[in-house]
Amino acid sequence: MEILGASLRICVDDLEAAVPFYERLAGSRALRFERGGVQVAAVGSFLLMSGPEAELEVLRKVAATIAVKDVEDAHRTLTELGARIVAGPVATPAGRNLIAMHPDGAIFEYVDHGA
């Protein structure tokens, strides 16, 4: 499994107010999308999320988003190493993702950018 980078996940009350700060901080424009009632803005290494508290409560349990070259390869490696796949792999607006719980209990999202 090839890890390409990681994004810090930040839940915010007001996405519109938060995005300009992170765009200036990261020096890049936000890529915005919506998933399951949650509004998301990817800005550099930051993944800002805003939405219903019930959805955010679940999202807060995921420590970080890890970009990988191929989610299927990540799935195989994680399974071999004893991680439990909680969700996925599934298609996303940008590629595919899965959620895995590592043997130590840490939860991470793994994403690729698809073809």
PDB file of N, CA and C in Angstrom:
ATOM      1  N   MET A   1       0.858  -1.177   0.000  1.00  0.00           N
ATOM      2  CA  MET A   1       0.000   0.000   0.000  1.00  0.00           C
ATOM      3  C   MET A   1       0.896   1.230   0.000  1.00  0.00           C
ATOM      4  N   GLU A   2       0.643   2.130  -0.918  1.00  0.00           N
ATOM      5  CA  GLU A   2       1.418   3.366  -1.007  1.00  0.00           C
ATOM      6  C   GLU A   2       0.602   4.516  -0.433  1.00  0.00           C
ATOM      7  N   ILE A   3       1.115   5.123   0.665  1.00  0.00           N
ATOM      8  CA  ILE A   3       0.457   6.282   1.285  1.00  0.00           C
ATOM      9  C   ILE A   3       0.999   7.544   0.626  1.00  0.00           C
ATOM     10  N   LEU A   4       0.091   8.377   0.136  1.00  0.00           N
ATOM     11  CA  LEU A   4       0.468   9.597  -0.579  1.00  0.00           C
ATOM     12  C   LEU A   4       0.437  10.838   0.301  1.00  0.00           C
ATOM     13  N   GLY A   5      -0.314  10.801   1.393  1.00  0.00           N
ATOM     14  CA  GLY A   5      -0.431  11.954   2.272  1.00  0.00           C
ATOM     15  C   GLY A   5      -1.603  11.778   3.212  1.00  0.00           C
ATOM     16  N   ALA A   6      -1.846  12.792   4.017  1.00  0.00           N
ATOM     17  CA  ALA A   6      -2.952  12.741   4.974  1.00  0.00           C
ATOM     18  C   ALA A   6      -3.600  14.104   5.079  1.00  0.00           C
ATOM     19  N   SER A   7      -4.899  14.105   5.407  1.00  0.00           N
ATOM     20  CA  SER A   7      -5.650  15.339   5.622  1.00  0.00           C
ATOM     21  C   SER A   7      -6.160  15.367   7.051  1.00  0.00           C
ATOM     22  N   LEU A   8      -6.089  16.530   7.642  1.00  0.00           N
ATOM     23  CA  LEU A   8      -6.627  16.735   8.981  1.00  0.00           C
ATOM     24  C   LEU A   8      -8.107  17.017   8.867  1.00  0.00           C
ATOM     25  N   ARG A   9      -8.899  16.321   9.643  1.00  0.00           N
ATOM     26  CA  ARG A   9     -10.364  16.453   9.598  1.00  0.00           C
ATOM     27  C   ARG A   9     -10.803  17.449  10.671  1.00  0.00           C
ATOM     28  N   ILE A  10     -11.540  18.484  10.252  1.00  0.00           N
ATOM     29  CA  ILE A  10     -11.974  19.536  11.171  1.00  0.00           C
ATOM     30  C   ILE A  10     -13.471  19.751  11.004  1.00  0.00           C
ATOM     31  N   CYS A  11     -14.231  19.545  12.068  1.00  0.00           N
ATOM     32  CA  CYS A  11     -15.668  19.827  12.063  1.00  0.00           C
ATOM     33  C   CYS A  11     -15.864  21.280  12.471  1.00  0.00           C
ATOM     34  N   VAL A  12     -16.608  22.033  11.664  1.00  0.00           N
ATOM     35  CA  VAL A  12     -16.838  23.448  11.930  1.00  0.00           C
ATOM     36  C   VAL A  12     -18.339  23.728  11.959  1.00  0.00           C
ATOM     37  N   ASP A  13     -18.722  24.736  12.730  1.00  0.00           N
ATOM     38  CA  ASP A  13     -20.128  25.128  12.799  1.00  0.00           C
ATOM     39  C   ASP A  13     -20.578  25.845  11.537  1.00  0.00           C
ATOM     40  N   ASP A  14     -19.689  26.698  10.988  1.00  0.00           N
ATOM     41  CA  ASP A  14     -20.039  27.535   9.837  1.00  0.00           C
ATOM     42  C   ASP A  14     -18.979  27.363   8.754  1.00  0.00           C
ATOM     43  N   LEU A  15     -19.268  26.516   7.788  1.00  0.00           N
ATOM     44  CA  LEU A  15     -18.314  26.222   6.721  1.00  0.00           C
ATOM     45  C   LEU A  15     -17.968  27.482   5.928  1.00  0.00           C
ATOM     46  N   GLU A  16     -18.971  28.293   5.624  1.00  0.00           N
ATOM     47  CA  GLU A  16     -18.733  29.506   4.830  1.00  0.00           C
ATOM     48  C   GLU A  16     -17.778  30.470   5.534  1.00  0.00           C
ATOM     49  N   ALA A  17     -17.867  30.546   6.853  1.00  0.00           N
ATOM     50  CA  ALA A  17     -16.976  31.424   7.611  1.00  0.00           C
ATOM     51  C   ALA A  17     -15.573  30.831   7.723  1.00  0.00           C
ATOM     52  N   ALA A  18     -15.465  29.506   7.779  1.00  0.00           N
ATOM     53  CA  ALA A  18     -14.175  28.848   7.983  1.00  0.00           C
ATOM     54  C   ALA A  18     -13.340  28.765   6.703  1.00  0.00           C
ATOM     55  N   VAL A  19     -13.979  28.572   5.563  1.00  0.00           N
ATOM     56  CA  VAL A  19     -13.250  28.328   4.318  1.00  0.00           C
ATOM     57  C   VAL A  19     -12.254  29.432   3.969  1.00  0.00           C
ATOM     58  N   PRO A  20     -12.596  30.723   4.016  1.00  0.00           N
ATOM     59  CA  PRO A  20     -11.617  31.748   3.635  1.00  0.00           C
ATOM     60  C   PRO A  20     -10.333  31.698   4.473  1.00  0.00           C
ATOM     61  N   PHE A  21     -10.456  31.440   5.768  1.00  0.00           N
ATOM     62  CA  PHE A  21      -9.272  31.322   6.627  1.00  0.00           C
ATOM     63  C   PHE A  21      -8.361  30.204   6.121  1.00  0.00           C
ATOM     64  N   TYR A  22      -8.934  29.023   5.888  1.00  0.00           N
ATOM     65  CA  TYR A  22      -8.127  27.877   5.474  1.00  0.00           C
ATOM     66  C   TYR A  22      -7.599  28.020   4.049  1.00  0.00           C
ATOM     67  N   GLU A  23      -8.344  28.714   3.170  1.00  0.00           N
ATOM     68  CA  GLU A  23      -7.829  28.979   1.827  1.00  0.00           C
ATOM     69  C   GLU A  23      -6.590  29.860   1.897  1.00  0.00           C
ATOM     70  N   ARG A  24      -6.621  30.878   2.723  1.00  0.00           N
ATOM     71  CA  ARG A  24      -5.445  31.757   2.864  1.00  0.00           C
ATOM     72  C   ARG A  24      -4.304  31.027   3.542  1.00  0.00           C
ATOM     73  N   LEU A  25      -4.617  30.228   4.565  1.00  0.00           N
ATOM     74  CA  LEU A  25      -3.597  29.480   5.292  1.00  0.00           C
ATOM     75  C   LEU A  25      -2.898  28.475   4.373  1.00  0.00           C
ATOM     76  N   ALA A  26      -3.669  27.750   3.573  1.00  0.00           N
ATOM     77  CA  ALA A  26      -3.124  26.703   2.709  1.00  0.00           C
ATOM     78  C   ALA A  26      -2.639  27.237   1.361  1.00  0.00           C
ATOM     79  N   GLY A  27      -3.076  28.453   1.004  1.00  0.00           N
ATOM     80  CA  GLY A  27      -2.693  29.020  -0.287  1.00  0.00           C
ATOM     81  C   GLY A  27      -3.345  28.311  -1.463  1.00  0.00           C
ATOM     82  N   SER A  28      -4.539  27.771  -1.241  1.00  0.00           N
ATOM     83  CA  SER A  28      -5.248  27.095  -2.327  1.00  0.00           C
ATOM     84  C   SER A  28      -6.752  27.251  -2.149  1.00  0.00           C
ATOM     85  N   ARG A  29      -7.469  27.031  -3.240  1.00  0.00           N
ATOM     86  CA  ARG A  29      -8.925  27.140  -3.228  1.00  0.00           C
ATOM     87  C   ARG A  29      -9.541  25.845  -2.708  1.00  0.00           C
ATOM     88  N   ALA A  30     -10.700  25.974  -2.099  1.00  0.00           N
ATOM     89  CA  ALA A  30     -11.418  24.815  -1.565  1.00  0.00           C
ATOM     90  C   ALA A  30     -12.102  24.039  -2.681  1.00  0.00           C
ATOM     91  N   LEU A  31     -12.024  22.733  -2.580  1.00  0.00           N
ATOM     92  CA  LEU A  31     -12.812  21.837  -3.421  1.00  0.00           C
ATOM     93  C   LEU A  31     -13.995  21.430  -2.569  1.00  0.00           C
ATOM     94  N   ARG A  32     -15.205  21.765  -3.009  1.00  0.00           N
ATOM     95  CA  ARG A  32     -16.400  21.537  -2.182  1.00  0.00           C
ATOM     96  C   ARG A  32     -17.260  20.410  -2.734  1.00  0.00           C
ATOM     97  N   PHE A  33     -17.834  19.656  -1.804  1.00  0.00           N
ATOM     98  CA  PHE A  33     -18.803  18.628  -2.174  1.00  0.00           C
ATOM     99  C   PHE A  33     -19.672  18.330  -0.968  1.00  0.00           C
ATOM    100  N   GLU A  34     -20.728  17.563  -1.203  1.00  0.00           N
ATOM    101  CA  GLU A  34     -21.669  17.200  -0.139  1.00  0.00           C
ATOM    102  C   GLU A  34     -21.752  15.690  -0.101  1.00  0.00           C
ATOM    103  N   ARG A  35     -21.801  15.146   1.113  1.00  0.00           N
ATOM    104  CA  ARG A  35     -21.915  13.694   1.255  1.00  0.00           C
ATOM    105  C   ARG A  35     -22.747  13.384   2.483  1.00  0.00           C
ATOM    106  N   GLY A  36     -23.865  12.714   2.291  1.00  0.00           N
ATOM    107  CA  GLY A  36     -24.701  12.286   3.406  1.00  0.00           C
ATOM    108  C   GLY A  36     -25.195  13.426   4.282  1.00  0.00           C
ATOM    109  N   GLY A  37     -25.511  14.563   3.665  1.00  0.00           N
ATOM    110  CA  GLY A  37     -26.003  15.707   4.423  1.00  0.00           C
ATOM    111  C   GLY A  37     -24.918  16.566   5.036  1.00  0.00           C
ATOM    112  N   VAL A  38     -23.654  16.191   4.841  1.00  0.00           N
ATOM    113  CA  VAL A  38     -22.531  16.957   5.374  1.00  0.00           C
ATOM    114  C   VAL A  38     -21.873  17.724   4.234  1.00  0.00           C
ATOM    115  N   GLN A  39     -21.684  19.011   4.446  1.00  0.00           N
ATOM    116  CA  GLN A  39     -20.975  19.851   3.481  1.00  0.00           C
ATOM    117  C   GLN A  39     -19.485  19.732   3.777  1.00  0.00           C
ATOM    118  N   VAL A  40     -18.690  19.537   2.729  1.00  0.00           N
ATOM    119  CA  VAL A  40     -17.253  19.310   2.886  1.00  0.00           C
ATOM    120  C   VAL A  40     -16.499  20.294   2.014  1.00  0.00           C
ATOM    121  N   ALA A  41     -15.387  20.808   2.546  1.00  0.00           N
ATOM    122  CA  ALA A  41     -14.476  21.638   1.777  1.00  0.00           C
ATOM    123  C   ALA A  41     -13.067  21.108   2.012  1.00  0.00           C
ATOM    124  N   ALA A  42     -12.435  20.631   0.939  1.00  0.00           N
ATOM    125  CA  ALA A  42     -11.051  20.169   1.011  1.00  0.00           C
ATOM    126  C   ALA A  42     -10.164  21.338   0.623  1.00  0.00           C
ATOM    127  N   VAL A  43      -9.291  21.748   1.557  1.00  0.00           N
ATOM    128  CA  VAL A  43      -8.414  22.889   1.332  1.00  0.00           C
ATOM    129  C   VAL A  43      -6.998  22.485   1.736  1.00  0.00           C
ATOM    130  N   GLY A  44      -6.147  22.276   0.769  1.00  0.00           N
ATOM    131  CA  GLY A  44      -4.790  21.821   1.079  1.00  0.00           C
ATOM    132  C   GLY A  44      -4.850  20.541   1.905  1.00  0.00           C
ATOM    133  N   SER A  45      -4.213  20.558   3.063  1.00  0.00           N
ATOM    134  CA  SER A  45      -4.185  19.381   3.945  1.00  0.00           C
ATOM    135  C   SER A  45      -5.363  19.322   4.905  1.00  0.00           C
ATOM    136  N   PHE A  46      -6.312  20.226   4.764  1.00  0.00           N
ATOM    137  CA  PHE A  46      -7.440  20.302   5.689  1.00  0.00           C
ATOM    138  C   PHE A  46      -8.724  19.816   5.014  1.00  0.00           C
ATOM    139  N   LEU A  47      -9.513  19.070   5.765  1.00  0.00           N
ATOM    140  CA  LEU A  47     -10.817  18.615   5.310  1.00  0.00           C
ATOM    141  C   LEU A  47     -11.844  19.168   6.289  1.00  0.00           C
ATOM    142  N   LEU A  48     -12.527  20.245   5.885  1.00  0.00           N
ATOM    143  CA  LEU A  48     -13.510  20.909   6.739  1.00  0.00           C
ATOM    144  C   LEU A  48     -14.875  20.283   6.512  1.00  0.00           C
ATOM    145  N   MET A  49     -15.597  20.041   7.599  1.00  0.00           N
ATOM    146  CA  MET A  49     -16.908  19.400   7.489  1.00  0.00           C
ATOM    147  C   MET A  49     -17.908  20.132   8.369  1.00  0.00           C
ATOM    148  N   SER A  50     -19.124  20.290   7.846  1.00  0.00           N
ATOM    149  CA  SER A  50     -20.183  20.951   8.589  1.00  0.00           C
ATOM    150  C   SER A  50     -21.506  20.291   8.227  1.00  0.00           C
ATOM    151  N   GLY A  51     -22.348  20.097   9.235  1.00  0.00           N
ATOM    152  CA  GLY A  51     -23.634  19.472   8.959  1.00  0.00           C
ATOM    153  C   GLY A  51     -24.348  19.096  10.235  1.00  0.00           C
ATOM    154  N   PRO A  52     -25.326  18.198  10.116  1.00  0.00           N
ATOM    155  CA  PRO A  52     -26.103  17.778  11.282  1.00  0.00           C
ATOM    156  C   PRO A  52     -25.209  17.144  12.352  1.00  0.00           C
ATOM    157  N   GLU A  53     -25.466  17.460  13.600  1.00  0.00           N
ATOM    158  CA  GLU A  53     -24.644  16.975  14.703  1.00  0.00           C
ATOM    159  C   GLU A  53     -24.552  15.458  14.738  1.00  0.00           C
ATOM    160  N   ALA A  54     -25.629  14.765  14.419  1.00  0.00           N
ATOM    161  CA  ALA A  54     -25.605  13.295  14.433  1.00  0.00           C
ATOM    162  C   ALA A  54     -24.572  12.763  13.440  1.00  0.00           C
ATOM    163  N   GLU A  55     -24.467  13.399  12.279  1.00  0.00           N
ATOM    164  CA  GLU A  55     -23.485  12.980  11.275  1.00  0.00           C
ATOM    165  C   GLU A  55     -22.069  13.342  11.720  1.00  0.00           C
ATOM    166  N   LEU A  56     -21.907  14.549  12.266  1.00  0.00           N
ATOM    167  CA  LEU A  56     -20.582  14.988  12.698  1.00  0.00           C
ATOM    168  C   LEU A  56     -20.058  14.153  13.860  1.00  0.00           C
ATOM    169  N   GLU A  57     -20.946  13.685  14.701  1.00  0.00           N
ATOM    170  CA  GLU A  57     -20.539  12.846  15.836  1.00  0.00           C
ATOM    171  C   GLU A  57     -19.823  11.588  15.334  1.00  0.00           C
ATOM    172  N   VAL A  58     -20.334  11.011  14.277  1.00  0.00           N
ATOM    173  CA  VAL A  58     -19.701   9.831  13.678  1.00  0.00           C
ATOM    174  C   VAL A  58     -18.373  10.224  13.037  1.00  0.00           C
ATOM    175  N   LEU A  59     -18.355  11.333  12.290  1.00  0.00           N
ATOM    176  CA  LEU A  59     -17.150  11.766  11.583  1.00  0.00           C
ATOM    177  C   LEU A  59     -16.009  12.119  12.533  1.00  0.00           C
ATOM    178  N   ARG A  60     -16.321  12.613  13.715  1.00  0.00           N
ATOM    179  CA  ARG A  60     -15.296  12.976  14.692  1.00  0.00           C
ATOM    180  C   ARG A  60     -14.508  11.767  15.195  1.00  0.00           C
ATOM    181  N   LYS A  61     -15.048  10.578  15.031  1.00  0.00           N
ATOM    182  CA  LYS A  61     -14.361   9.364  15.481  1.00  0.00           C
ATOM    183  C   LYS A  61     -13.230   8.961  14.538  1.00  0.00           C
ATOM    184  N   VAL A  62     -13.210   9.534  13.337  1.00  0.00           N
ATOM    185  CA  VAL A  62     -12.176   9.220  12.357  1.00  0.00           C
ATOM    186  C   VAL A  62     -11.026  10.199  12.555  1.00  0.00           C
ATOM    187  N   ALA A  63      -9.844   9.655  12.892  1.00  0.00           N
ATOM    188  CA  ALA A  63      -8.691  10.496  13.258  1.00  0.00           C
ATOM    189  C   ALA A  63      -8.168  11.336  12.101  1.00  0.00           C
ATOM    190  N   ALA A  64      -8.103  10.767  10.915  1.00  0.00           N
ATOM    191  CA  ALA A  64      -7.560  11.486   9.763  1.00  0.00           C
ATOM    192  C   ALA A  64      -7.983  10.776   8.489  1.00  0.00           C
ATOM    193  N   THR A  65      -7.823  11.468   7.373  1.00  0.00           N
ATOM    194  CA  THR A  65      -8.047  10.886   6.060  1.00  0.00           C
ATOM    195  C   THR A  65      -6.679  10.657   5.433  1.00  0.00           C
ATOM    196  N   ILE A  66      -6.425   9.431   5.000  1.00  0.00           N
ATOM    197  CA  ILE A  66      -5.136   9.070   4.429  1.00  0.00           C
ATOM    198  C   ILE A  66      -5.315   8.792   2.942  1.00  0.00           C
ATOM    199  N   ALA A  67      -4.590   9.552   2.119  1.00  0.00           N
ATOM    200  CA  ALA A  67      -4.638   9.351   0.669  1.00  0.00           C
ATOM    201  C   ALA A  67      -3.704   8.205   0.304  1.00  0.00           C
ATOM    202  N   VAL A  68      -4.233   7.270  -0.461  1.00  0.00           N
ATOM    203  CA  VAL A  68      -3.445   6.127  -0.918  1.00  0.00           C
ATOM    204  C   VAL A  68      -3.537   6.034  -2.427  1.00  0.00           C
ATOM    205  N   LYS A  69      -2.608   5.312  -3.010  1.00  0.00           N
ATOM    206  CA  LYS A  69      -2.625   5.157  -4.459  1.00  0.00           C
ATOM    207  C   LYS A  69      -3.828   4.336  -4.906  1.00  0.00           C
ATOM    208  N   ASP A  70      -4.163   3.284  -4.137  1.00  0.00           N
ATOM    209  CA  ASP A  70      -5.246   2.394  -4.534  1.00  0.00           C
ATOM    210  C   ASP A  70      -5.968   1.859  -3.291  1.00  0.00           C
ATOM    211  N   VAL A  71      -7.242   2.138  -3.168  1.00  0.00           N
ATOM    212  CA  VAL A  71      -8.029   1.710  -2.006  1.00  0.00           C
ATOM    213  C   VAL A  71      -8.121   0.182  -1.914  1.00  0.00           C
ATOM    214  N   GLU A  72      -8.195  -0.500  -3.052  1.00  0.00           N
ATOM    215  CA  GLU A  72      -8.270  -1.968  -3.014  1.00  0.00           C
ATOM    216  C   GLU A  72      -6.992  -2.551  -2.420  1.00  0.00           C
ATOM    217  N   ASP A  73      -5.852  -1.978  -2.776  1.00  0.00           N
ATOM    218  CA  ASP A  73      -4.574  -2.408  -2.209  1.00  0.00           C
ATOM    219  C   ASP A  73      -4.536  -2.109  -0.706  1.00  0.00           C
ATOM    220  N   ALA A  74      -5.033  -0.934  -0.322  1.00  0.00           N
ATOM    221  CA  ALA A  74      -5.106  -0.584   1.104  1.00  0.00           C
ATOM    222  C   ALA A  74      -5.985  -1.577   1.849  1.00  0.00           C
ATOM    223  N   HIS A  75      -7.108  -1.952   1.252  1.00  0.00           N
ATOM    224  CA  HIS A  75      -8.027  -2.921   1.859  1.00  0.00           C
ATOM    225  C   HIS A  75      -7.306  -4.234   2.141  1.00  0.00           C
ATOM    226  N   ARG A  76      -6.582  -4.736   1.147  1.00  0.00           N
ATOM    227  CA  ARG A  76      -5.839  -5.998   1.325  1.00  0.00           C
ATOM    228  C   ARG A  76      -4.796  -5.870   2.430  1.00  0.00           C
ATOM    229  N   THR A  77      -4.004  -4.811   2.399  1.00  0.00           N
ATOM    230  CA  THR A  77      -2.939  -4.626   3.380  1.00  0.00           C
ATOM    231  C   THR A  77      -3.502  -4.479   4.786  1.00  0.00           C
ATOM    232  N   LEU A  78      -4.515  -3.642   4.937  1.00  0.00           N
ATOM    233  CA  LEU A  78      -5.113  -3.427   6.251  1.00  0.00           C
ATOM    234  C   LEU A  78      -5.682  -4.723   6.814  1.00  0.00           C
ATOM    235  N   THR A  79      -6.364  -5.480   5.980  1.00  0.00           N
ATOM    236  CA  THR A  79      -6.946  -6.756   6.416  1.00  0.00           C
ATOM    237  C   THR A  79      -5.849  -7.729   6.844  1.00  0.00           C
ATOM    238  N   GLU A  80      -4.791  -7.816   6.044  1.00  0.00           N
ATOM    239  CA  GLU A  80      -3.670  -8.701   6.376  1.00  0.00           C
ATOM    240  C   GLU A  80      -3.029  -8.326   7.712  1.00  0.00           C
ATOM    241  N   LEU A  81      -3.018  -7.034   8.022  1.00  0.00           N
ATOM    242  CA  LEU A  81      -2.384  -6.546   9.252  1.00  0.00           C
ATOM    243  C   LEU A  81      -3.312  -6.591  10.466  1.00  0.00           C
ATOM    244  N   GLY A  82      -4.538  -7.062  10.273  1.00  0.00           N
ATOM    245  CA  GLY A  82      -5.453  -7.217  11.390  1.00  0.00           C
ATOM    246  C   GLY A  82      -6.400  -6.065  11.623  1.00  0.00           C
ATOM    247  N   ALA A  83      -6.460  -5.106  10.690  1.00  0.00           N
ATOM    248  CA  ALA A  83      -7.430  -4.018  10.814  1.00  0.00           C
ATOM    249  C   ALA A  83      -8.819  -4.555  10.472  1.00  0.00           C
ATOM    250  N   ARG A  84      -9.835  -3.919  11.045  1.00  0.00           N
ATOM    251  CA  ARG A  84     -11.223  -4.271  10.732  1.00  0.00           C
ATOM    252  C   ARG A  84     -11.784  -3.205   9.805  1.00  0.00           C
ATOM    253  N   ILE A  85     -12.282  -3.620   8.653  1.00  0.00           N
ATOM    254  CA  ILE A  85     -12.878  -2.679   7.706  1.00  0.00           C
ATOM    255  C   ILE A  85     -14.290  -2.372   8.205  1.00  0.00           C
ATOM    256  N   VAL A  86     -14.528  -1.113   8.536  1.00  0.00           N
ATOM    257  CA  VAL A  86     -15.807  -0.677   9.097  1.00  0.00           C
ATOM    258  C   VAL A  86     -16.805  -0.352   7.987  1.00  0.00           C
ATOM    259  N   ALA A  87     -16.313   0.244   6.897  1.00  0.00           N
ATOM    260  CA  ALA A  87     -17.177   0.624   5.776  1.00  0.00           C
ATOM    261  C   ALA A  87     -16.358   0.669   4.499  1.00  0.00           C
ATOM    262  N   GLY A  88     -16.990   0.285   3.391  1.00  0.00           N
ATOM    263  CA  GLY A  88     -16.360   0.401   2.090  1.00  0.00           C
ATOM    264  C   GLY A  88     -15.611  -0.860   1.694  1.00  0.00           C
ATOM    265  N   PRO A  89     -14.906  -0.737   0.616  1.00  0.00           N
ATOM    266  CA  PRO A  89     -14.704   0.427  -0.234  1.00  0.00           C
ATOM    267  C   PRO A  89     -15.987   0.839  -0.977  1.00  0.00           C
ATOM    268  N   VAL A  90     -16.168   2.147  -1.101  1.00  0.00           N
ATOM    269  CA  VAL A  90     -17.304   2.711  -1.834  1.00  0.00           C
ATOM    270  C   VAL A  90     -16.830   3.870  -2.698  1.00  0.00           C
ATOM    271  N   ALA A  91     -17.596   4.165  -3.742  1.00  0.00           N
ATOM    272  CA  ALA A  91     -17.297   5.296  -4.615  1.00  0.00           C
ATOM    273  C   ALA A  91     -17.605   6.601  -3.894  1.00  0.00           C
ATOM    274  N   THR A  92     -16.797   7.619  -4.148  1.00  0.00           N
ATOM    275  CA  THR A  92     -17.007   8.965  -3.617  1.00  0.00           C
ATOM    276  C   THR A  92     -16.973   9.937  -4.795  1.00  0.00           C
ATOM    277  N   PRO A  93     -17.264  11.219  -4.565  1.00  0.00           N
ATOM    278  CA  PRO A  93     -17.184  12.173  -5.676  1.00  0.00           C
ATOM    279  C   PRO A  93     -15.785  12.276  -6.289  1.00  0.00           C
ATOM    280  N   ALA A  94     -14.747  11.923  -5.509  1.00  0.00           N
ATOM    281  CA  ALA A  94     -13.378  12.073  -5.999  1.00  0.00           C
ATOM    282  C   ALA A  94     -12.667  10.752  -6.287  1.00  0.00           C
ATOM    283  N   GLY A  95     -13.257   9.624  -5.955  1.00  0.00           N
ATOM    284  CA  GLY A  95     -12.594   8.329  -6.152  1.00  0.00           C
ATOM    285  C   GLY A  95     -13.292   7.253  -5.346  1.00  0.00           C
ATOM    286  N   ARG A  96     -12.541   6.597  -4.446  1.00  0.00           N
ATOM    287  CA  ARG A  96     -13.114   5.575  -3.571  1.00  0.00           C
ATOM    288  C   ARG A  96     -12.574   5.769  -2.157  1.00  0.00           C
ATOM    289  N   ASN A  97     -13.320   5.236  -1.170  1.00  0.00           N
ATOM    290  CA  ASN A  97     -12.825   5.309   0.201  1.00  0.00           C
ATOM    291  C   ASN A  97     -13.230   4.072   0.978  1.00  0.00           C
ATOM    292  N   LEU A  98     -12.582   3.914   2.112  1.00  0.00           N
ATOM    293  CA  LEU A  98     -12.979   2.916   3.097  1.00  0.00           C
ATOM    294  C   LEU A  98     -12.626   3.468   4.469  1.00  0.00           C
ATOM    295  N   ILE A  99     -13.309   2.946   5.477  1.00  0.00           N
ATOM    296  CA  ILE A  99     -13.027   3.304   6.865  1.00  0.00           C
ATOM    297  C   ILE A  99     -12.509   2.041   7.541  1.00  0.00           C
ATOM    298  N   ALA A 100     -11.380   2.164   8.235  1.00  0.00           N
ATOM    299  CA  ALA A 100     -10.784   1.008   8.896  1.00  0.00           C
ATOM    300  C   ALA A 100     -10.461   1.328  10.350  1.00  0.00           C
ATOM    301  N   MET A 101     -10.681   0.331  11.202  1.00  0.00           N
ATOM    302  CA  MET A 101     -10.265   0.426  12.596  1.00  0.00           C
ATOM    303  C   MET A 101      -8.994  -0.400  12.740  1.00  0.00           C
ATOM    304  N   HIS A 102      -7.913   0.267  13.132  1.00  0.00           N
ATOM    305  CA  HIS A 102      -6.635  -0.405  13.339  1.00  0.00           C
ATOM    306  C   HIS A 102      -6.721  -1.277  14.588  1.00  0.00           C
ATOM    307  N   PRO A 103      -5.834  -2.249  14.721  1.00  0.00           N
ATOM    308  CA  PRO A 103      -5.867  -3.126  15.900  1.00  0.00           C
ATOM    309  C   PRO A 103      -5.812  -2.382  17.237  1.00  0.00           C
ATOM    310  N   ASP A 104      -5.238  -1.162  17.252  1.00  0.00           N
ATOM    311  CA  ASP A 104      -5.170  -0.380  18.488  1.00  0.00           C
ATOM    312  C   ASP A 104      -6.436   0.425  18.760  1.00  0.00           C
ATOM    313  N   GLY A 105      -7.420   0.337  17.863  1.00  0.00           N
ATOM    314  CA  GLY A 105      -8.689   1.041  18.037  1.00  0.00           C
ATOM    315  C   GLY A 105      -8.790   2.359  17.291  1.00  0.00           C
ATOM    316  N   ALA A 106      -7.674   2.852  16.736  1.00  0.00           N
ATOM    317  CA  ALA A 106      -7.702   4.098  15.966  1.00  0.00           C
ATOM    318  C   ALA A 106      -8.479   3.876  14.672  1.00  0.00           C
ATOM    319  N   ILE A 107      -9.270   4.876  14.274  1.00  0.00           N
ATOM    320  CA  ILE A 107     -10.099   4.780  13.068  1.00  0.00           C
ATOM    321  C   ILE A 107      -9.613   5.803  12.046  1.00  0.00           C
ATOM    322  N   PHE A 108      -9.399   5.337  10.816  1.00  0.00           N
ATOM    323  CA  PHE A 108      -8.927   6.187   9.737  1.00  0.00           C
ATOM    324  C   PHE A 108      -9.758   5.955   8.480  1.00  0.00           C
ATOM    325  N   GLU A 109      -9.874   7.014   7.682  1.00  0.00           N
ATOM    326  CA  GLU A 109     -10.470   6.909   6.356  1.00  0.00           C
ATOM    327  C   GLU A 109      -9.309   6.817   5.360  1.00  0.00           C
ATOM    328  N   TYR A 110      -9.407   5.894   4.419  1.00  0.00           N
ATOM    329  CA  TYR A 110      -8.430   5.750   3.340  1.00  0.00           C
ATOM    330  C   TYR A 110      -9.128   6.103   2.040  1.00  0.00           C
ATOM    331  N   VAL A 111      -8.513   6.967   1.221  1.00  0.00           N
ATOM    332  CA  VAL A 111      -9.124   7.417  -0.032  1.00  0.00           C
ATOM    333  C   VAL A 111      -8.129   7.323  -1.180  1.00  0.00           C
ATOM    334  N   ASP A 112      -8.658   7.076  -2.374  1.00  0.00           N
ATOM    335  CA  ASP A 112      -7.862   7.233  -3.576  1.00  0.00           C
ATOM    336  C   ASP A 112      -8.613   8.187  -4.497  1.00  0.00           C
ATOM    337  N   HIS A 113      -7.976   8.594  -5.541  1.00  0.00           N
ATOM    338  CA  HIS A 113      -8.620   9.549  -6.452  1.00  0.00           C
ATOM    339  C   HIS A 113      -9.180   8.881  -7.687  1.00  0.00           C
ATOM    340  N   GLY A 114      -9.229   7.564  -7.701  1.00  0.00           N
ATOM    341  CA  GLY A 114      -9.836   6.839  -8.807  1.00  0.00           C
ATOM    342  C   GLY A 114      -9.110   7.042 -10.108  1.00  0.00           C
ATOM    343  N   ALA A 115      -9.734   6.601 -11.170  1.00  0.00           N
ATOM    344  CA  ALA A 115      -9.110   6.698 -12.492  1.00  0.00           C
ATOM    345  C   ALA A 115      -9.299   8.068 -13.064  1.00  0.00           C
TER     346      ALA A 115
END
